[in-house]
């Protein structure tokens, strides 16, 4: 195929044989959010660049390297959204959704980042996110972790994931820690790689997240943010940990756990797997109480999480012991016809069956192939029954579960399908 007709690098099609597992997982998300009282928010794909420059931080890789920015015809600087939290906060503030009340929201949809495509990571990727607004206590931090525990249990992933948590404190505590970090890294400048040197003056906290094996001993000895927390932040973090323990959710306190975005405060967490190589983070989240004040004089407590759906699906398929029939589309009935000019009759029969039997999936073979080939195609579809319109006008039913074949009139066919398939 001509290269001009190929998908853009890092953006892929979800093919028909893949969409059932997406729909199955999306159903799990909808059920989970319903059980916890979260309502769906649908956000635009395009946002002002300034939204992410202020919220995410100009020094982050997302803003400095990864956003798809352009000027529109009116001269406005806009971008394809790289993440969902900032847009969700904008929508809450713009529409005054937290006036005298709290909000529990969720969203799902494509995000865009110009980064090197790798296993489970794409330039257009799909994210499921949950955000809770107007609640400052540790109980909501724990609630969103409870949600994730329930989701991973439902997906059969509990034994393949571990929860790591940390506290980033509040801005005053982070500033004190930042000064100590800069002093420490400056004293060990000869051990820093190029990326870490670039981050030393702009975002030194991110150096702690480096995977460079030559830096690990030095990083383990670096000042810990947990040691800079004041009493209120320590109590908040202790309360989250206590709630997790009482809910029997195992966790690891990782003092080097940071999030790549500037708006996080206090509780942060990640669910990590060893099944997908070095890029093991499946879900990340935490509290970001300072984000609203970048856009509004009024503070607004907030916390949430986001999951990359492609990576989650990759994990599900990697660790699954057997194929789930819900991950595939199989019609209930396939209608074949012995004569090509009976195609219209087959379509009308299919429509009457759908009208009479709610939820019945009926597929009509319109290929014009010989009857034997139509039957082979029907068998490959893994349907439950094949209905054939014979040249003499008879309706022939083939029950694939019992291998029984029978000739029926339309009324008896409907009765049989109602009894055996619904």
Protein backbone atom coordinates (compact mmCIF):
# COMPACT_ATOMS: atom_id res chain seq x y z
CA UNK A 1 0.00 0.00 0.00
CA UNK A 2 1.16 3.55 -0.72
CA UNK A 3 2.64 5.04 2.47
CA UNK A 4 0.35 8.07 2.18
CA UNK A 5 -2.60 5.78 2.83
CA UNK A 6 -1.25 4.24 6.02
CA UNK A 7 -2.30 5.24 9.50
CA UNK A 8 -0.12 7.92 11.13
CA UNK A 9 2.68 6.39 13.20
CA UNK A 10 1.57 5.77 16.76
CA UNK A 11 -2.14 5.83 15.87
CA UNK A 12 -3.83 2.52 15.20
CA UNK A 13 -7.19 1.18 14.10
CA UNK A 14 -9.29 -0.89 16.48
CA UNK A 15 -10.43 -3.63 14.13
CA UNK A 16 -13.86 -5.32 14.23
CA UNK A 17 -12.48 -8.46 15.87
CA UNK A 18 -11.01 -6.27 18.66
CA UNK A 19 -14.00 -4.07 19.45
CA UNK A 20 -15.92 -6.68 21.51
CA UNK A 21 -13.19 -6.78 24.19
CA UNK A 22 -13.22 -2.96 24.27
CA UNK A 23 -17.01 -2.98 24.71
CA UNK A 24 -16.71 -5.65 27.41
CA UNK A 25 -14.15 -3.57 29.34
CA UNK A 26 -16.11 -0.35 28.86
CA UNK A 27 -19.11 -2.13 30.36
CA UNK A 28 -16.99 -2.92 33.43
CA UNK A 29 -16.11 0.79 33.74
CA UNK A 30 -19.75 1.85 33.51
CA UNK A 31 -20.82 -0.69 36.12
CA UNK A 32 -18.00 0.30 38.48
CA UNK A 33 -18.70 4.02 38.30
CA UNK A 34 -22.43 3.44 38.73
CA UNK A 35 -21.84 1.41 41.91
CA UNK A 36 -19.72 4.20 43.41
CA UNK A 37 -22.03 7.05 42.35
CA UNK A 38 -19.82 8.67 39.68
CA UNK A 39 -21.45 10.40 36.69
CA UNK A 40 -20.07 10.55 33.15
CA UNK A 41 -18.51 13.75 31.79
CA UNK A 42 -17.83 14.07 28.05
CA UNK A 43 -14.98 16.47 27.31
CA UNK A 44 -13.83 18.11 24.05
CA UNK A 45 -10.75 16.82 22.23
CA UNK A 46 -9.40 20.34 21.67
CA UNK A 47 -8.39 22.65 24.50
CA UNK A 48 -6.40 25.92 24.79
CA UNK A 49 -2.66 25.32 25.06
CA UNK A 50 -2.62 27.65 28.06
CA UNK A 51 -4.76 25.19 30.01
CA UNK A 52 -1.97 22.62 30.07
CA UNK A 53 0.89 25.11 30.32
CA UNK A 54 -0.60 26.36 33.57
CA UNK A 55 -1.95 23.07 34.91
CA UNK A 56 0.58 20.48 33.83
CA UNK A 57 3.63 22.77 33.94
CA UNK A 58 5.84 24.16 31.18
CA UNK A 59 8.83 22.16 32.45
CA UNK A 60 7.11 18.79 32.02
CA UNK A 61 7.79 16.59 29.01
CA UNK A 62 4.09 16.64 28.16
CA UNK A 63 4.07 20.41 27.54
CA UNK A 64 7.63 20.90 26.34
CA UNK A 65 7.83 17.90 23.98
CA UNK A 66 4.66 15.89 23.57
CA UNK A 67 1.62 18.08 22.87
CA UNK A 68 0.08 18.38 19.40
CA UNK A 69 -0.21 22.19 19.17
CA UNK A 70 -1.35 24.40 16.31
CA UNK A 71 -2.88 27.79 15.56
CA UNK A 72 -6.45 27.66 14.29
CA UNK A 73 -7.88 29.98 11.64
CA UNK A 74 -8.80 32.61 14.21
CA UNK A 75 -5.24 32.65 15.57
CA UNK A 76 -6.04 30.81 18.80
CA UNK A 77 -3.30 28.48 20.08
CA UNK A 78 -4.98 25.13 20.69
CA UNK A 79 -3.93 21.53 21.29
CA UNK A 80 -5.22 18.01 21.16
CA UNK A 81 -5.71 17.10 24.81
CA UNK A 82 -2.75 15.14 26.29
CA UNK A 83 -4.62 14.13 29.47
CA UNK A 84 -8.09 14.44 30.98
CA UNK A 85 -7.75 15.93 34.47
CA UNK A 86 -7.03 19.51 33.40
CA UNK A 87 -9.96 19.56 30.97
CA UNK A 88 -12.26 18.06 33.58
CA UNK A 89 -11.23 20.74 36.09
CA UNK A 90 -11.81 23.44 33.45
CA UNK A 91 -15.32 22.10 32.80
CA UNK A 92 -16.16 21.96 36.50
CA UNK A 93 -15.04 25.56 37.05
CA UNK A 94 -16.52 26.94 33.82
CA UNK A 95 -19.92 25.38 34.51
CA UNK A 96 -19.87 26.07 38.25
CA UNK A 97 -20.55 22.39 38.96
CA UNK A 98 -19.26 22.55 42.54
CA UNK A 99 -21.37 25.47 43.74
CA UNK A 100 -22.48 24.34 47.21
CA UNK A 101 -21.99 20.68 46.31
CA UNK A 102 -19.43 18.01 45.53
CA UNK A 103 -18.98 16.15 42.26
CA UNK A 104 -17.93 12.59 41.39
CA UNK A 105 -17.19 12.36 37.65
CA UNK A 106 -15.70 9.97 35.13
CA UNK A 107 -14.71 10.22 31.48
CA UNK A 108 -13.29 8.10 28.71
CA UNK A 109 -11.82 8.94 25.34
CA UNK A 110 -8.73 9.51 23.19
CA UNK A 111 -5.71 11.51 24.39
CA UNK A 112 -2.75 12.59 22.26
CA UNK A 113 0.98 12.77 23.01
CA UNK A 114 3.85 12.96 20.56
CA UNK A 115 6.17 10.37 22.09
CA UNK A 116 8.04 7.32 20.86
CA UNK A 117 5.48 4.54 20.32
CA UNK A 118 6.26 1.45 22.39
CA UNK A 119 4.56 -1.61 23.80
CA UNK A 120 1.13 -0.56 25.01
CA UNK A 121 1.82 3.14 24.41
CA UNK A 122 0.57 5.09 21.39
CA UNK A 123 0.48 8.69 20.22
CA UNK A 124 -3.29 8.46 20.22
CA UNK A 125 -4.27 6.44 23.26
CA UNK A 126 -7.50 5.95 25.16
CA UNK A 127 -7.90 6.87 28.81
CA UNK A 128 -10.49 6.06 31.46
CA UNK A 129 -10.42 8.62 34.26
CA UNK A 130 -12.23 9.30 37.53
CA UNK A 131 -12.20 12.66 39.34
CA UNK A 132 -13.74 13.66 42.70
CA UNK A 133 -14.18 17.37 43.47
CA UNK A 134 -14.92 19.29 46.66
CA UNK A 135 -13.83 16.62 49.16
CA UNK A 136 -10.57 17.24 51.04
CA UNK A 137 -10.40 14.26 53.39
CA UNK A 138 -8.36 11.06 53.15
CA UNK A 139 -11.57 9.03 52.89
CA UNK A 140 -12.03 10.04 49.23
CA UNK A 141 -8.40 9.19 48.48
CA UNK A 142 -9.13 5.73 49.83
CA UNK A 143 -12.45 5.52 47.95
CA UNK A 144 -10.83 5.85 44.54
CA UNK A 145 -8.31 3.16 45.48
CA UNK A 146 -11.21 0.95 46.62
CA UNK A 147 -12.74 1.45 43.17
CA UNK A 148 -9.57 0.27 41.49
CA UNK A 149 -9.28 -2.74 43.77
CA UNK A 150 -12.83 -3.73 42.79
CA UNK A 151 -12.09 -3.22 39.10
CA UNK A 152 -8.89 -5.28 39.13
CA UNK A 153 -10.61 -8.05 41.09
CA UNK A 154 -13.40 -8.13 38.51
CA UNK A 155 -10.84 -8.34 35.71
CA UNK A 156 -8.86 -11.11 37.42
CA UNK A 157 -5.72 -8.97 37.68
CA UNK A 158 -5.22 -8.69 41.45
CA UNK A 159 -2.31 -11.13 41.62
CA UNK A 160 -0.56 -9.38 38.71
CA UNK A 161 -0.58 -5.85 40.17
CA UNK A 162 0.90 -4.13 43.21
CA UNK A 163 -0.14 -0.82 44.73
CA UNK A 164 2.57 1.73 45.52
CA UNK A 165 1.69 4.95 47.38
CA UNK A 166 3.46 8.06 48.60
CA UNK A 167 2.69 11.57 49.79
CA UNK A 168 3.93 14.65 47.95
CA UNK A 169 2.78 16.95 50.74
CA UNK A 170 1.61 20.50 50.10
CA UNK A 171 3.50 23.19 48.12
CA UNK A 172 5.33 24.60 51.17
CA UNK A 173 6.63 21.15 52.08
CA UNK A 174 7.57 20.43 48.50
CA UNK A 175 9.50 23.68 48.24
CA UNK A 176 11.60 22.77 51.27
CA UNK A 177 12.17 19.30 49.85
CA UNK A 178 13.02 20.78 46.44
CA UNK A 179 15.74 22.94 47.94
CA UNK A 180 17.24 19.91 49.67
CA UNK A 181 17.02 17.88 46.43
CA UNK A 182 18.71 20.55 44.35
CA UNK A 183 21.53 20.76 46.90
CA UNK A 184 21.88 16.96 46.92
CA UNK A 185 21.86 16.53 43.15
CA UNK A 186 24.19 19.49 42.67
CA UNK A 187 26.65 17.82 45.00
CA UNK A 188 26.36 14.63 42.90
CA UNK A 189 26.20 16.34 39.53
CA UNK A 190 28.83 14.03 38.06
CA UNK A 191 26.44 11.06 38.53
CA UNK A 192 23.46 12.64 36.73
CA UNK A 193 22.58 11.66 33.16
CA UNK A 194 21.62 14.24 30.53
CA UNK A 195 17.87 14.10 31.24
CA UNK A 196 18.46 14.55 34.96
CA UNK A 197 20.77 17.51 34.38
CA UNK A 198 18.05 19.15 32.30
CA UNK A 199 15.54 18.60 35.11
CA UNK A 200 17.82 19.82 37.88
CA UNK A 201 16.67 23.45 37.63
CA UNK A 202 13.19 22.91 36.24
CA UNK A 203 11.69 19.79 37.88
CA UNK A 204 14.16 18.07 40.23
CA UNK A 205 11.46 15.88 41.76
CA UNK A 206 11.21 14.01 38.47
CA UNK A 207 14.85 12.95 38.76
CA UNK A 208 13.74 10.57 41.52
CA UNK A 209 11.72 8.68 38.91
CA UNK A 210 14.79 7.93 36.76
CA UNK A 211 15.29 4.28 35.81
CA UNK A 212 19.01 4.77 35.03
CA UNK A 213 20.72 1.86 36.87
CA UNK A 214 23.90 3.89 37.38
CA UNK A 215 21.99 6.45 39.47
CA UNK A 216 19.99 4.16 41.74
CA UNK A 217 22.33 4.10 44.76
CA UNK A 218 22.60 7.89 44.74
CA UNK A 219 18.81 8.28 44.31
CA UNK A 220 18.09 5.94 47.21
CA UNK A 221 20.20 8.17 49.46
CA UNK A 222 18.55 11.42 48.30
CA UNK A 223 16.36 13.43 50.73
CA UNK A 224 12.86 11.94 51.08
CA UNK A 225 9.80 14.13 50.81
CA UNK A 226 8.13 12.09 53.56
CA UNK A 227 10.70 13.51 55.99
CA UNK A 228 9.58 17.06 55.14
CA UNK A 229 5.87 16.54 55.83
CA UNK A 230 4.27 18.57 58.61
CA UNK A 231 1.72 17.16 61.03
CA UNK A 232 -1.42 17.69 58.92
CA UNK A 233 0.07 16.02 55.83
CA UNK A 234 1.44 13.15 57.93
CA UNK A 235 -1.99 12.59 59.48
CA UNK A 236 -3.66 12.65 56.07
CA UNK A 237 -1.26 10.06 54.68
CA UNK A 238 -1.52 7.88 57.80
CA UNK A 239 -5.33 7.93 57.55
CA UNK A 240 -5.20 6.76 53.91
CA UNK A 241 -2.86 3.93 54.84
CA UNK A 242 -5.08 2.93 57.76
CA UNK A 243 -8.18 2.79 55.56
CA UNK A 244 -6.35 0.61 53.03
CA UNK A 245 -5.26 -1.76 55.78
CA UNK A 246 -8.79 -2.01 57.19
CA UNK A 247 -10.08 -2.77 53.67
CA UNK A 248 -7.39 -5.50 53.34
CA UNK A 249 -5.69 -3.77 50.40
CA UNK A 250 -1.94 -4.46 50.44
CA UNK A 251 0.32 -1.55 49.50
CA UNK A 252 3.96 -0.47 49.42
CA UNK A 253 5.06 2.98 50.55
CA UNK A 254 7.50 4.12 47.86
CA UNK A 255 9.22 7.39 48.91
CA UNK A 256 10.51 7.86 45.36
CA UNK A 257 7.08 7.64 43.75
CA UNK A 258 6.29 10.91 41.99
CA UNK A 259 3.78 11.84 39.32
CA UNK A 260 4.84 13.52 36.10
CA UNK A 261 2.43 16.43 36.48
CA UNK A 262 2.94 19.51 38.65
CA UNK A 263 -0.57 19.71 40.09
CA UNK A 264 -0.39 16.69 42.45
CA UNK A 265 -0.39 17.20 46.25
CA UNK A 266 -0.39 14.77 49.17
CA UNK A 267 -1.55 11.26 48.23
CA UNK A 268 -0.18 9.79 45.01
CA UNK A 269 -0.32 6.17 43.90
CA UNK A 270 0.35 3.78 41.05
CA UNK A 271 -0.75 0.24 40.26
CA UNK A 272 2.24 -1.53 38.70
CA UNK A 273 2.71 -4.86 36.93
CA UNK A 274 5.79 -6.90 36.07
CA UNK A 275 4.02 -8.60 33.15
CA UNK A 276 4.62 -5.88 30.54
CA UNK A 277 8.34 -5.23 30.75
CA UNK A 278 9.92 -2.00 31.98
CA UNK A 279 6.82 0.15 31.30
CA UNK A 280 4.86 -1.37 34.16
CA UNK A 281 2.51 1.40 35.34
CA UNK A 282 -1.09 0.51 34.50
CA UNK A 283 -2.86 3.19 36.54
CA UNK A 284 -1.78 6.36 38.30
CA UNK A 285 -3.52 8.96 40.38
CA UNK A 286 -3.72 10.96 43.54
CA UNK A 287 -4.76 14.28 45.02
CA UNK A 288 -4.37 17.67 43.30
CA UNK A 289 -5.88 20.29 45.59
CA UNK A 290 -3.85 23.14 44.08
CA UNK A 291 -4.99 22.77 40.48
CA UNK A 292 -8.17 24.86 40.70
CA UNK A 293 -6.29 27.88 42.06
CA UNK A 294 -4.28 28.09 38.86
CA UNK A 295 -7.52 29.19 37.16
CA UNK A 296 -9.74 30.51 39.96
CA UNK A 297 -9.22 32.39 43.24
CA UNK A 298 -11.31 29.79 45.02
CA UNK A 299 -9.63 26.57 46.19
CA UNK A 300 -11.23 23.27 45.23
CA UNK A 301 -10.13 19.96 46.70
CA UNK A 302 -9.78 17.23 44.09
CA UNK A 303 -8.41 13.73 43.55
CA UNK A 304 -8.63 11.07 40.86
CA UNK A 305 -6.93 8.51 38.69
CA UNK A 306 -6.47 7.58 35.04
CA UNK A 307 -5.94 4.26 33.26
CA UNK A 308 -4.55 3.78 29.77
CA UNK A 309 -7.04 1.37 28.23
CA UNK A 310 -4.64 -0.05 25.63
CA UNK A 311 -2.16 -1.03 28.34
CA UNK A 312 -4.90 -2.48 30.53
CA UNK A 313 -6.20 -4.59 27.62
CA UNK A 314 -2.65 -5.74 26.88
CA UNK A 315 -2.28 -6.86 30.50
CA UNK A 316 -5.65 -8.65 30.47
CA UNK A 317 -4.75 -10.58 27.33
CA UNK A 318 -1.20 -11.29 28.56
CA UNK A 319 -2.22 -12.90 31.85
CA UNK A 320 -5.57 -14.43 30.85
CA UNK A 321 -5.55 -18.22 31.02
CA UNK A 322 -8.38 -18.62 28.52
CA UNK A 323 -10.28 -16.68 25.91
CA UNK A 324 -13.46 -15.03 27.14
CA UNK A 325 -16.41 -15.53 24.74
CA UNK A 326 -17.59 -12.02 25.63
CA UNK A 327 -14.47 -10.65 23.92
CA UNK A 328 -15.82 -11.72 20.52
CA UNK A 329 -18.94 -11.17 18.44
CA UNK A 330 -20.88 -14.31 17.52
CA UNK A 331 -24.33 -13.97 15.90
CA UNK A 332 -27.12 -16.10 17.34
CA UNK A 333 -28.44 -17.10 13.93
CA UNK A 334 -27.08 -17.05 10.38
CA UNK A 335 -29.54 -17.24 7.49
CA UNK A 336 -28.30 -18.86 4.27
CA UNK A 337 -30.25 -19.28 1.04
CA UNK A 338 -29.97 -21.94 -1.64
CA UNK A 339 -30.91 -19.59 -4.49
CA UNK A 340 -29.37 -16.15 -4.93
CA UNK A 341 -32.74 -14.62 -5.80
CA UNK A 342 -34.02 -15.63 -2.33
CA UNK A 343 -31.83 -12.96 -0.74
CA UNK A 344 -34.75 -10.57 -0.27
CA UNK A 345 -36.82 -13.32 1.38
CA UNK A 346 -33.91 -14.03 3.73
CA UNK A 347 -33.68 -10.37 4.71
CA UNK A 348 -37.41 -10.14 5.40
CA UNK A 349 -37.31 -13.35 7.47
CA UNK A 350 -34.36 -11.98 9.46
CA UNK A 351 -36.20 -8.78 10.17
CA UNK A 352 -39.32 -10.62 11.35
CA UNK A 353 -37.18 -12.76 13.68
CA UNK A 354 -35.55 -9.64 15.17
CA UNK A 355 -38.95 -8.02 15.66
CA UNK A 356 -40.44 -11.12 17.32
CA UNK A 357 -37.44 -11.99 19.56
CA UNK A 358 -35.96 -9.07 21.45
CA UNK A 359 -32.15 -9.03 21.46
CA UNK A 360 -31.74 -11.79 18.87
CA UNK A 361 -28.70 -11.31 16.62
CA UNK A 362 -29.39 -12.44 13.05
CA UNK A 363 -26.84 -12.30 10.25
CA UNK A 364 -27.92 -12.81 6.62
CA UNK A 365 -25.37 -14.25 4.18
CA UNK A 366 -25.43 -11.85 1.22
CA UNK A 367 -22.22 -13.12 -0.36
CA UNK A 368 -23.89 -14.91 -3.30
CA UNK A 369 -21.65 -17.92 -2.60
CA UNK A 370 -22.80 -21.52 -3.06
CA UNK A 371 -24.75 -23.01 -0.14
CA UNK A 372 -21.85 -25.16 1.08
CA UNK A 373 -19.62 -22.12 1.30
CA UNK A 374 -22.33 -20.15 3.12
CA UNK A 375 -22.56 -22.94 5.71
CA UNK A 376 -18.80 -22.98 6.16
CA UNK A 377 -18.78 -19.22 6.75
CA UNK A 378 -21.65 -19.55 9.23
CA UNK A 379 -19.77 -22.24 11.16
CA UNK A 380 -16.71 -19.99 11.32
CA UNK A 381 -18.85 -17.25 12.88
CA UNK A 382 -19.56 -19.59 15.83
CA UNK A 383 -23.28 -18.91 15.66
CA UNK A 384 -25.71 -21.11 17.55
CA UNK A 385 -28.03 -22.00 14.66
CA UNK A 386 -28.09 -21.87 10.86
CA UNK A 387 -31.39 -21.27 9.06
CA UNK A 388 -31.45 -22.18 5.37
CA UNK A 389 -34.07 -21.14 2.83
CA UNK A 390 -34.23 -24.12 0.49
CA UNK A 391 -35.02 -23.78 -3.21
CA UNK A 392 -38.46 -25.28 -2.61
CA UNK A 393 -39.35 -22.52 -0.14
CA UNK A 394 -38.76 -24.66 2.97
CA UNK A 395 -37.09 -23.32 6.13
CA UNK A 396 -34.39 -25.68 7.36
CA UNK A 397 -32.98 -25.24 10.90
CA UNK A 398 -29.57 -26.61 11.92
CA UNK A 399 -29.09 -26.62 15.70
CA UNK A 400 -25.31 -26.56 16.09
CA UNK A 401 -25.36 -27.48 19.78
CA UNK A 402 -27.03 -30.84 19.13
CA UNK A 403 -26.17 -31.18 15.40
CA UNK A 404 -29.89 -31.81 14.87
CA UNK A 405 -31.50 -30.58 11.63
CA UNK A 406 -35.21 -30.08 11.09
CA UNK A 407 -37.69 -28.50 8.68
CA UNK A 408 -40.00 -25.90 10.26
CA UNK A 409 -42.54 -23.27 9.31
CA UNK A 410 -41.83 -19.72 10.40
CA UNK A 411 -44.07 -19.84 13.48
CA UNK A 412 -42.37 -22.99 14.80
CA UNK A 413 -38.95 -21.52 14.00
CA UNK A 414 -39.74 -18.48 16.15
CA UNK A 415 -40.95 -20.74 18.96
CA UNK A 416 -37.79 -22.86 18.78
CA UNK A 417 -35.51 -19.82 18.85
CA UNK A 418 -37.40 -18.30 21.79
CA UNK A 419 -37.08 -21.56 23.72
CA UNK A 420 -33.48 -22.44 22.94
CA UNK A 421 -31.65 -19.13 22.40
CA UNK A 422 -33.49 -16.67 24.69
